[in-house]
N, C-alpha and C. Protein backbone atom coordinates (compact mmCIF):
# COMPACT_ATOMS: atom_id res chain seq x y z
N MET A 1 -7.03 25.51 -56.26
CA MET A 1 -6.13 25.95 -55.23
C MET A 1 -6.88 26.38 -53.98
N ARG A 2 -7.96 27.12 -54.18
CA ARG A 2 -8.74 27.60 -53.06
C ARG A 2 -9.36 26.43 -52.29
N LYS A 3 -9.80 25.38 -53.00
CA LYS A 3 -10.38 24.20 -52.36
C LYS A 3 -9.34 23.50 -51.49
N LYS A 4 -8.09 23.48 -51.95
CA LYS A 4 -7.01 22.87 -51.17
C LYS A 4 -6.80 23.61 -49.86
N ILE A 5 -6.83 24.93 -49.88
CA ILE A 5 -6.62 25.75 -48.69
C ILE A 5 -7.78 25.53 -47.71
N ILE A 6 -9.00 25.52 -48.22
CA ILE A 6 -10.17 25.29 -47.36
C ILE A 6 -10.10 23.89 -46.76
N TYR A 7 -9.76 22.91 -47.60
CA TYR A 7 -9.66 21.53 -47.12
C TYR A 7 -8.57 21.40 -46.05
N SER A 8 -7.41 22.04 -46.29
CA SER A 8 -6.31 22.01 -45.31
C SER A 8 -6.74 22.69 -44.01
N GLY A 9 -7.42 23.80 -44.13
CA GLY A 9 -7.90 24.52 -42.94
C GLY A 9 -8.88 23.68 -42.14
N LEU A 10 -9.79 22.99 -42.82
CA LEU A 10 -10.75 22.12 -42.14
C LEU A 10 -10.05 20.94 -41.46
N CYS A 11 -9.02 20.40 -42.11
CA CYS A 11 -8.26 19.30 -41.50
C CYS A 11 -7.55 19.76 -40.24
N VAL A 12 -6.94 20.94 -40.29
CA VAL A 12 -6.25 21.48 -39.11
C VAL A 12 -7.26 21.75 -38.00
N LEU A 13 -8.38 22.36 -38.34
CA LEU A 13 -9.42 22.65 -37.35
C LEU A 13 -9.95 21.36 -36.74
N GLY A 14 -10.19 20.36 -37.57
CA GLY A 14 -10.66 19.06 -37.06
C GLY A 14 -9.64 18.41 -36.14
N SER A 15 -8.38 18.50 -36.50
CA SER A 15 -7.32 17.93 -35.66
C SER A 15 -7.25 18.64 -34.32
N VAL A 16 -7.34 19.96 -34.34
CA VAL A 16 -7.31 20.73 -33.09
C VAL A 16 -8.49 20.35 -32.21
N LEU A 17 -9.68 20.27 -32.79
CA LEU A 17 -10.87 19.89 -32.02
C LEU A 17 -10.74 18.48 -31.45
N LEU A 18 -10.16 17.59 -32.21
CA LEU A 18 -9.95 16.23 -31.75
C LEU A 18 -8.98 16.20 -30.57
N LEU A 19 -7.90 16.96 -30.67
CA LEU A 19 -6.92 17.02 -29.58
C LEU A 19 -7.52 17.65 -28.33
N LEU A 20 -8.31 18.70 -28.50
CA LEU A 20 -8.90 19.37 -27.35
C LEU A 20 -9.96 18.53 -26.65
N SER A 21 -10.61 17.64 -27.39
CA SER A 21 -11.66 16.82 -26.77
C SER A 21 -11.08 15.77 -25.84
N GLY A 22 -9.82 15.38 -26.03
CA GLY A 22 -9.16 14.42 -25.14
C GLY A 22 -9.84 13.07 -25.18
N CYS A 23 -9.51 12.26 -24.17
CA CYS A 23 -10.07 10.91 -24.14
C CYS A 23 -10.97 10.71 -22.92
N GLY A 24 -11.41 11.78 -22.30
CA GLY A 24 -12.32 11.65 -21.17
C GLY A 24 -11.62 11.55 -19.83
N TYR A 25 -10.34 11.75 -19.77
CA TYR A 25 -9.62 11.68 -18.50
C TYR A 25 -9.90 12.93 -17.68
N THR A 26 -10.08 12.73 -16.39
CA THR A 26 -10.30 13.85 -15.49
C THR A 26 -9.52 13.64 -14.21
N THR A 27 -9.18 14.73 -13.54
CA THR A 27 -8.50 14.64 -12.26
C THR A 27 -9.49 14.67 -11.11
N ARG A 28 -10.77 14.82 -11.39
CA ARG A 28 -11.79 14.83 -10.35
C ARG A 28 -12.04 13.40 -9.89
N SER A 29 -12.47 13.26 -8.66
CA SER A 29 -12.66 11.94 -8.10
C SER A 29 -14.04 11.38 -8.44
N ALA A 30 -14.16 10.07 -8.27
CA ALA A 30 -15.44 9.41 -8.48
C ALA A 30 -16.41 9.74 -7.35
N ILE A 31 -15.89 10.06 -6.18
CA ILE A 31 -16.73 10.36 -5.03
C ILE A 31 -17.23 11.80 -5.07
N GLY A 32 -16.56 12.64 -5.88
CA GLY A 32 -16.83 14.07 -5.90
C GLY A 32 -18.26 14.45 -6.23
N GLY A 33 -18.95 13.68 -7.04
CA GLY A 33 -20.33 14.01 -7.38
C GLY A 33 -21.29 13.77 -6.23
N LYS A 34 -20.95 12.85 -5.37
CA LYS A 34 -21.85 12.49 -4.28
C LYS A 34 -21.55 13.27 -3.00
N TYR A 35 -20.29 13.44 -2.67
CA TYR A 35 -19.89 14.14 -1.45
C TYR A 35 -18.91 15.25 -1.80
N ARG A 36 -18.99 16.33 -1.04
CA ARG A 36 -18.09 17.46 -1.29
C ARG A 36 -17.31 17.89 -0.04
N THR A 37 -17.79 17.52 1.15
CA THR A 37 -17.14 17.96 2.38
C THR A 37 -16.82 16.77 3.28
N ILE A 38 -15.76 16.93 4.07
CA ILE A 38 -15.32 15.86 4.95
C ILE A 38 -14.86 16.44 6.28
N TYR A 39 -15.15 15.72 7.34
CA TYR A 39 -14.62 16.05 8.66
C TYR A 39 -13.62 14.97 9.03
N ILE A 40 -12.43 15.37 9.41
CA ILE A 40 -11.40 14.41 9.83
C ILE A 40 -11.36 14.44 11.35
N THR A 41 -11.83 13.36 11.96
CA THR A 41 -11.79 13.29 13.42
C THR A 41 -10.33 13.16 13.84
N PRO A 42 -9.97 13.72 14.97
CA PRO A 42 -8.59 13.55 15.43
C PRO A 42 -8.27 12.06 15.60
N PHE A 43 -7.14 11.65 15.05
CA PHE A 43 -6.72 10.26 15.17
C PHE A 43 -6.44 9.94 16.63
N ILE A 44 -6.66 8.70 17.00
CA ILE A 44 -6.43 8.22 18.37
C ILE A 44 -5.20 7.33 18.35
N ASN A 45 -4.35 7.48 19.36
CA ASN A 45 -3.16 6.63 19.46
C ASN A 45 -3.51 5.37 20.24
N LYS A 46 -3.55 4.24 19.54
CA LYS A 46 -3.87 2.95 20.15
C LYS A 46 -2.65 2.03 20.23
N ILE A 47 -1.46 2.60 20.14
CA ILE A 47 -0.25 1.80 20.24
C ILE A 47 -0.12 1.33 21.67
N ASP A 48 -0.01 0.02 21.84
CA ASP A 48 0.08 -0.57 23.17
C ASP A 48 1.53 -0.56 23.62
N ILE A 49 1.86 0.37 24.50
CA ILE A 49 3.25 0.46 24.97
C ILE A 49 3.50 -0.43 26.18
N THR A 50 2.46 -1.12 26.64
CA THR A 50 2.63 -1.99 27.81
C THR A 50 2.92 -3.43 27.43
N GLN A 51 2.86 -3.76 26.13
CA GLN A 51 3.08 -5.15 25.73
C GLN A 51 4.53 -5.56 25.94
N GLU A 52 4.71 -6.81 26.24
CA GLU A 52 6.05 -7.34 26.46
C GLU A 52 6.76 -7.51 25.12
N ALA A 53 8.02 -7.12 25.08
CA ALA A 53 8.79 -7.22 23.84
C ALA A 53 9.17 -8.66 23.56
N ASP A 54 9.04 -9.05 22.31
CA ASP A 54 9.49 -10.36 21.86
C ASP A 54 10.13 -10.19 20.49
N ALA A 55 10.52 -11.27 19.86
CA ALA A 55 11.22 -11.18 18.57
C ALA A 55 10.37 -10.49 17.51
N ALA A 56 9.05 -10.71 17.54
CA ALA A 56 8.18 -10.12 16.52
C ALA A 56 7.90 -8.64 16.75
N SER A 57 7.95 -8.20 17.99
CA SER A 57 7.59 -6.82 18.28
C SER A 57 8.75 -5.97 18.77
N LYS A 58 9.97 -6.43 18.61
CA LYS A 58 11.08 -5.65 19.15
C LYS A 58 11.35 -4.36 18.40
N TYR A 59 10.77 -4.20 17.21
CA TYR A 59 10.97 -2.98 16.44
C TYR A 59 9.79 -2.02 16.53
N VAL A 60 8.77 -2.39 17.32
CA VAL A 60 7.64 -1.50 17.53
C VAL A 60 8.09 -0.41 18.48
N ILE A 61 7.85 0.83 18.11
CA ILE A 61 8.28 1.94 18.94
C ILE A 61 7.11 2.86 19.22
N TYR A 62 7.31 3.73 20.18
CA TYR A 62 6.30 4.72 20.52
C TYR A 62 6.86 6.10 20.22
N ARG A 63 6.09 6.90 19.53
CA ARG A 63 6.50 8.26 19.22
C ARG A 63 5.42 9.20 19.75
N PRO A 64 5.75 10.03 20.73
CA PRO A 64 4.75 10.93 21.31
C PRO A 64 4.12 11.84 20.26
N GLN A 65 2.83 12.03 20.36
CA GLN A 65 2.05 12.93 19.51
C GLN A 65 1.98 12.52 18.04
N ILE A 66 2.25 11.25 17.76
CA ILE A 66 2.18 10.80 16.36
C ILE A 66 0.76 10.92 15.82
N GLU A 67 -0.24 10.72 16.68
CA GLU A 67 -1.64 10.83 16.24
C GLU A 67 -1.97 12.27 15.81
N THR A 68 -1.40 13.25 16.47
CA THR A 68 -1.60 14.66 16.10
C THR A 68 -0.94 14.94 14.76
N ASP A 69 0.24 14.41 14.57
CA ASP A 69 0.94 14.58 13.29
C ASP A 69 0.16 13.96 12.14
N VAL A 70 -0.39 12.76 12.37
CA VAL A 70 -1.18 12.09 11.32
C VAL A 70 -2.41 12.93 10.97
N THR A 71 -3.13 13.37 11.98
CA THR A 71 -4.34 14.18 11.75
C THR A 71 -4.02 15.43 10.95
N ARG A 72 -2.98 16.14 11.34
CA ARG A 72 -2.59 17.38 10.66
C ARG A 72 -2.21 17.10 9.21
N ARG A 73 -1.43 16.03 8.97
CA ARG A 73 -0.99 15.71 7.60
C ARG A 73 -2.17 15.31 6.72
N VAL A 74 -3.12 14.56 7.27
CA VAL A 74 -4.28 14.14 6.48
C VAL A 74 -5.13 15.35 6.11
N ILE A 75 -5.37 16.25 7.05
CA ILE A 75 -6.14 17.46 6.75
C ILE A 75 -5.44 18.27 5.66
N ASN A 76 -4.14 18.46 5.81
CA ASN A 76 -3.38 19.23 4.80
C ASN A 76 -3.42 18.56 3.44
N ARG A 77 -3.39 17.24 3.41
CA ARG A 77 -3.43 16.53 2.13
C ARG A 77 -4.79 16.66 1.46
N PHE A 78 -5.87 16.63 2.26
CA PHE A 78 -7.20 16.85 1.69
C PHE A 78 -7.30 18.27 1.12
N LEU A 79 -6.74 19.24 1.82
CA LEU A 79 -6.73 20.62 1.31
C LEU A 79 -5.96 20.70 0.00
N PHE A 80 -4.82 20.02 -0.08
CA PHE A 80 -4.00 20.01 -1.28
C PHE A 80 -4.72 19.32 -2.44
N ASP A 81 -5.38 18.19 -2.15
CA ASP A 81 -6.06 17.41 -3.18
C ASP A 81 -7.26 18.15 -3.77
N GLY A 82 -8.09 18.72 -2.90
CA GLY A 82 -9.21 19.53 -3.36
C GLY A 82 -10.48 18.80 -3.72
N ASN A 83 -10.51 17.47 -3.69
CA ASN A 83 -11.72 16.75 -4.04
C ASN A 83 -12.76 16.78 -2.93
N LEU A 84 -12.33 16.67 -1.69
CA LEU A 84 -13.21 16.77 -0.53
C LEU A 84 -12.67 17.89 0.35
N LYS A 85 -13.53 18.83 0.68
CA LYS A 85 -13.10 19.99 1.46
C LYS A 85 -13.24 19.69 2.96
N PRO A 86 -12.15 19.79 3.72
CA PRO A 86 -12.25 19.61 5.18
C PRO A 86 -13.05 20.75 5.80
N VAL A 87 -14.07 20.37 6.59
CA VAL A 87 -14.93 21.35 7.24
C VAL A 87 -15.18 20.94 8.69
N LYS A 88 -15.93 21.77 9.41
CA LYS A 88 -16.32 21.44 10.78
C LYS A 88 -17.27 20.25 10.78
N GLU A 89 -17.31 19.56 11.89
CA GLU A 89 -18.11 18.34 12.00
C GLU A 89 -19.58 18.56 11.67
N GLU A 90 -20.15 19.69 12.10
CA GLU A 90 -21.58 19.94 11.92
C GLU A 90 -21.99 20.07 10.45
N THR A 91 -21.08 20.52 9.61
CA THR A 91 -21.44 20.77 8.21
C THR A 91 -20.92 19.71 7.24
N ALA A 92 -20.21 18.72 7.73
CA ALA A 92 -19.60 17.71 6.85
C ALA A 92 -20.62 16.68 6.38
N GLU A 93 -20.41 16.20 5.17
CA GLU A 93 -21.24 15.13 4.62
C GLU A 93 -20.68 13.76 4.99
N VAL A 94 -19.36 13.65 5.05
CA VAL A 94 -18.71 12.40 5.45
C VAL A 94 -17.68 12.69 6.54
N ALA A 95 -17.35 11.65 7.29
CA ALA A 95 -16.35 11.79 8.35
C ALA A 95 -15.33 10.67 8.23
N LEU A 96 -14.07 11.04 8.35
CA LEU A 96 -12.99 10.07 8.36
C LEU A 96 -12.56 9.85 9.81
N LYS A 97 -12.59 8.60 10.25
CA LYS A 97 -12.17 8.26 11.60
C LYS A 97 -10.94 7.38 11.51
N GLY A 98 -10.01 7.57 12.45
CA GLY A 98 -8.79 6.78 12.39
C GLY A 98 -8.13 6.61 13.73
N GLU A 99 -7.32 5.55 13.80
CA GLU A 99 -6.53 5.29 14.99
C GLU A 99 -5.17 4.74 14.57
N VAL A 100 -4.13 5.23 15.23
CA VAL A 100 -2.78 4.75 14.99
C VAL A 100 -2.61 3.48 15.80
N VAL A 101 -2.29 2.36 15.14
CA VAL A 101 -2.19 1.08 15.85
C VAL A 101 -0.77 0.55 15.95
N GLU A 102 0.13 1.05 15.10
CA GLU A 102 1.50 0.55 15.16
C GLU A 102 2.45 1.53 14.49
N PHE A 103 3.63 1.61 15.05
CA PHE A 103 4.70 2.43 14.48
C PHE A 103 5.96 1.61 14.61
N ARG A 104 6.57 1.27 13.46
CA ARG A 104 7.72 0.36 13.45
C ARG A 104 8.92 0.99 12.75
N LYS A 105 10.07 0.57 13.21
CA LYS A 105 11.33 0.93 12.57
C LYS A 105 12.11 -0.38 12.42
N ASP A 106 12.09 -0.94 11.22
CA ASP A 106 12.71 -2.24 10.96
C ASP A 106 14.01 -2.08 10.18
N PRO A 107 15.06 -2.80 10.56
CA PRO A 107 16.29 -2.79 9.76
C PRO A 107 16.04 -3.51 8.43
N VAL A 108 16.57 -2.94 7.37
CA VAL A 108 16.39 -3.53 6.04
C VAL A 108 17.72 -4.03 5.48
N ARG A 109 18.79 -3.26 5.70
CA ARG A 109 20.09 -3.62 5.15
C ARG A 109 21.17 -3.39 6.20
N TYR A 110 22.05 -4.38 6.29
CA TYR A 110 23.16 -4.30 7.24
C TYR A 110 24.47 -4.03 6.50
N ALA A 111 25.42 -3.46 7.22
CA ALA A 111 26.76 -3.22 6.68
C ALA A 111 27.47 -4.56 6.52
N SER A 112 28.61 -4.54 5.90
CA SER A 112 29.36 -5.77 5.64
C SER A 112 29.76 -6.50 6.93
N ASN A 113 29.85 -5.78 8.04
CA ASN A 113 30.19 -6.45 9.30
C ASN A 113 28.98 -7.16 9.92
N GLU A 114 27.82 -7.03 9.29
CA GLU A 114 26.57 -7.68 9.69
C GLU A 114 26.09 -7.28 11.09
N GLU A 115 26.60 -6.19 11.60
CA GLU A 115 26.15 -5.68 12.90
C GLU A 115 25.53 -4.29 12.78
N ASP A 116 26.15 -3.43 11.98
CA ASP A 116 25.68 -2.06 11.83
C ASP A 116 24.59 -2.00 10.76
N VAL A 117 23.52 -1.30 11.08
CA VAL A 117 22.42 -1.14 10.13
C VAL A 117 22.72 0.04 9.21
N GLU A 118 22.53 -0.18 7.90
CA GLU A 118 22.71 0.88 6.90
C GLU A 118 21.39 1.50 6.48
N GLU A 119 20.33 0.67 6.49
CA GLU A 119 19.03 1.14 5.99
C GLU A 119 17.91 0.63 6.89
N TYR A 120 16.96 1.52 7.17
CA TYR A 120 15.78 1.17 7.96
C TYR A 120 14.52 1.42 7.13
N ARG A 121 13.44 0.79 7.54
CA ARG A 121 12.12 1.07 6.97
C ARG A 121 11.22 1.51 8.12
N VAL A 122 10.57 2.64 7.96
CA VAL A 122 9.62 3.14 8.95
C VAL A 122 8.23 2.86 8.43
N ASN A 123 7.42 2.17 9.23
CA ASN A 123 6.02 1.87 8.89
C ASN A 123 5.11 2.53 9.92
N LEU A 124 4.12 3.24 9.43
CA LEU A 124 3.11 3.85 10.28
C LEU A 124 1.78 3.21 9.89
N ILE A 125 1.18 2.49 10.82
CA ILE A 125 0.01 1.66 10.52
C ILE A 125 -1.21 2.20 11.26
N VAL A 126 -2.31 2.38 10.52
CA VAL A 126 -3.54 2.94 11.08
C VAL A 126 -4.74 2.09 10.67
N ASN A 127 -5.80 2.20 11.43
CA ASN A 127 -7.12 1.70 11.04
C ASN A 127 -7.95 2.93 10.71
N ILE A 128 -8.61 2.92 9.55
CA ILE A 128 -9.40 4.08 9.13
C ILE A 128 -10.77 3.64 8.64
N SER A 129 -11.74 4.55 8.73
CA SER A 129 -13.07 4.28 8.20
C SER A 129 -13.69 5.60 7.75
N LEU A 130 -14.53 5.52 6.73
CA LEU A 130 -15.22 6.68 6.20
C LEU A 130 -16.71 6.47 6.42
N TRP A 131 -17.37 7.47 7.02
CA TRP A 131 -18.77 7.38 7.42
C TRP A 131 -19.60 8.44 6.71
N ASN A 132 -20.80 8.05 6.29
CA ASN A 132 -21.79 8.99 5.80
C ASN A 132 -22.43 9.62 7.03
N LYS A 133 -22.26 10.92 7.23
CA LYS A 133 -22.72 11.58 8.45
C LYS A 133 -24.24 11.68 8.52
N LYS A 134 -24.89 11.89 7.39
CA LYS A 134 -26.35 12.06 7.41
C LYS A 134 -27.07 10.77 7.77
N GLU A 135 -26.58 9.66 7.26
CA GLU A 135 -27.22 8.36 7.51
C GLU A 135 -26.53 7.57 8.61
N ASN A 136 -25.43 8.11 9.14
CA ASN A 136 -24.60 7.41 10.13
C ASN A 136 -24.30 5.98 9.66
N LYS A 137 -23.84 5.89 8.41
CA LYS A 137 -23.61 4.61 7.76
C LYS A 137 -22.15 4.50 7.33
N LEU A 138 -21.57 3.33 7.56
CA LEU A 138 -20.19 3.07 7.16
C LEU A 138 -20.11 2.96 5.64
N ILE A 139 -19.23 3.76 5.03
CA ILE A 139 -19.01 3.70 3.58
C ILE A 139 -17.94 2.66 3.27
N TRP A 140 -16.82 2.73 3.97
CA TRP A 140 -15.77 1.72 3.85
C TRP A 140 -14.89 1.77 5.08
N GLU A 141 -14.12 0.69 5.24
CA GLU A 141 -13.23 0.57 6.39
C GLU A 141 -11.97 -0.16 5.95
N GLU A 142 -10.82 0.29 6.43
CA GLU A 142 -9.53 -0.35 6.13
C GLU A 142 -8.76 -0.52 7.42
N ASN A 143 -8.37 -1.73 7.72
CA ASN A 143 -7.53 -2.01 8.88
C ASN A 143 -6.09 -2.23 8.43
N ARG A 144 -5.16 -1.81 9.28
CA ARG A 144 -3.73 -1.97 9.04
C ARG A 144 -3.30 -1.28 7.75
N PHE A 145 -3.82 -0.10 7.53
CA PHE A 145 -3.48 0.74 6.38
C PHE A 145 -2.11 1.35 6.68
N THR A 146 -1.16 1.25 5.75
CA THR A 146 0.23 1.57 6.05
C THR A 146 0.80 2.68 5.18
N GLY A 147 1.53 3.57 5.83
CA GLY A 147 2.39 4.55 5.16
C GLY A 147 3.81 4.18 5.52
N GLN A 148 4.72 4.24 4.57
CA GLN A 148 6.08 3.79 4.86
C GLN A 148 7.11 4.55 4.06
N THR A 149 8.34 4.44 4.53
CA THR A 149 9.49 4.95 3.80
C THR A 149 10.72 4.19 4.26
N SER A 150 11.68 4.08 3.38
CA SER A 150 12.97 3.49 3.73
C SER A 150 14.01 4.60 3.71
N TYR A 151 15.01 4.48 4.58
CA TYR A 151 16.04 5.51 4.60
C TYR A 151 17.37 4.93 5.03
N PHE A 152 18.43 5.54 4.48
CA PHE A 152 19.79 5.16 4.80
C PHE A 152 20.29 6.02 5.96
N VAL A 153 21.09 5.43 6.82
CA VAL A 153 21.67 6.17 7.93
C VAL A 153 23.14 6.52 7.68
N THR A 154 23.70 5.97 6.60
CA THR A 154 25.08 6.28 6.23
C THR A 154 25.14 6.58 4.74
N GLY A 155 26.22 7.21 4.31
CA GLY A 155 26.43 7.47 2.90
C GLY A 155 25.82 8.78 2.44
N ASN A 156 25.88 9.01 1.12
CA ASN A 156 25.40 10.28 0.58
C ASN A 156 23.88 10.36 0.47
N GLN A 157 23.17 9.25 0.66
CA GLN A 157 21.70 9.25 0.66
C GLN A 157 21.11 9.26 2.06
N ALA A 158 21.95 9.42 3.06
CA ALA A 158 21.51 9.35 4.45
C ALA A 158 20.60 10.53 4.80
N ILE A 159 19.55 10.21 5.55
CA ILE A 159 18.68 11.24 6.11
C ILE A 159 18.46 10.91 7.58
N THR A 160 17.93 11.85 8.30
CA THR A 160 17.68 11.63 9.73
C THR A 160 16.42 10.80 9.92
N GLU A 161 16.30 10.23 11.10
CA GLU A 161 15.08 9.48 11.44
C GLU A 161 13.87 10.41 11.41
N ALA A 162 14.04 11.63 11.88
CA ALA A 162 12.93 12.59 11.88
C ALA A 162 12.43 12.86 10.46
N GLN A 163 13.34 12.99 9.50
CA GLN A 163 12.94 13.21 8.11
C GLN A 163 12.25 11.96 7.56
N ALA A 164 12.72 10.78 7.95
CA ALA A 164 12.08 9.54 7.51
C ALA A 164 10.66 9.44 8.06
N VAL A 165 10.46 9.84 9.30
CA VAL A 165 9.12 9.84 9.88
C VAL A 165 8.22 10.81 9.12
N THR A 166 8.75 11.98 8.79
CA THR A 166 7.99 12.95 8.00
C THR A 166 7.61 12.36 6.64
N ASN A 167 8.54 11.69 5.99
CA ASN A 167 8.25 11.05 4.70
C ASN A 167 7.18 9.97 4.85
N SER A 168 7.24 9.21 5.92
CA SER A 168 6.25 8.17 6.18
C SER A 168 4.87 8.78 6.43
N LEU A 169 4.83 9.88 7.18
CA LEU A 169 3.57 10.59 7.41
C LEU A 169 2.98 11.11 6.10
N ASP A 170 3.82 11.66 5.25
CA ASP A 170 3.37 12.15 3.95
C ASP A 170 2.82 11.02 3.09
N ASP A 171 3.50 9.88 3.09
CA ASP A 171 3.04 8.73 2.32
C ASP A 171 1.69 8.24 2.84
N LEU A 172 1.55 8.15 4.15
CA LEU A 172 0.29 7.71 4.74
C LEU A 172 -0.84 8.67 4.40
N ALA A 173 -0.62 9.96 4.55
CA ALA A 173 -1.65 10.95 4.24
C ALA A 173 -2.06 10.88 2.77
N ARG A 174 -1.10 10.76 1.89
CA ARG A 174 -1.40 10.65 0.46
C ARG A 174 -2.26 9.43 0.17
N ARG A 175 -1.90 8.31 0.76
CA ARG A 175 -2.64 7.06 0.53
C ARG A 175 -4.04 7.12 1.12
N ILE A 176 -4.19 7.75 2.29
CA ILE A 176 -5.52 7.89 2.90
C ILE A 176 -6.43 8.73 2.01
N VAL A 177 -5.93 9.85 1.52
CA VAL A 177 -6.73 10.71 0.66
C VAL A 177 -7.09 9.99 -0.64
N GLU A 178 -6.13 9.30 -1.23
CA GLU A 178 -6.43 8.53 -2.45
C GLU A 178 -7.52 7.50 -2.18
N ARG A 179 -7.43 6.82 -1.06
CA ARG A 179 -8.44 5.80 -0.72
C ARG A 179 -9.81 6.44 -0.51
N ALA A 180 -9.83 7.62 0.08
CA ALA A 180 -11.10 8.29 0.36
C ALA A 180 -11.78 8.81 -0.89
N VAL A 181 -11.02 9.30 -1.85
CA VAL A 181 -11.64 9.93 -3.03
C VAL A 181 -11.83 8.98 -4.20
N GLU A 182 -11.16 7.85 -4.19
CA GLU A 182 -11.29 6.90 -5.30
C GLU A 182 -12.19 5.76 -4.89
N GLN A 183 -13.29 5.62 -5.60
CA GLN A 183 -14.22 4.53 -5.33
C GLN A 183 -13.91 3.37 -6.25
N TRP A 184 -13.30 2.34 -5.72
CA TRP A 184 -12.90 1.18 -6.54
C TRP A 184 -14.11 0.43 -6.89
């Protein structure tokens, strides 16, 4: 009887140790061992508002201070993520540089009368690059990196354009941070 209790206790202990050891999954990034700090340069607005409108560009719009909003959201997302700490330029190991190149609001779904728009998609498109500050070397670069959201303007799921822009900014910031901390 005593051997059964000891054996049962060892089985339970072994099971607990097995469960606690996990399968090696971690929430830390692959870049975390090499770099710990990042400087986010203020994004530059490169949206060309002087171009002539045509069928392909009729949904390109200009939103004042969008570059400031992008910079602020990216910094806040890095703070939230915690893998790379945003710091001053002088003390950073890597630097993220970016420029806003396009901001679009495209109709996605029309009402039954085929004139009124029910749903739009907001796309915020940037070019970004990550630089090793000590070696002044490009680590990676992504052009036409996009944050987006779709939103309804009618019905019980309707939200304002301002809220859709906020959602698009959040999506872009999340994707930029994921790209920066995950080394594919």
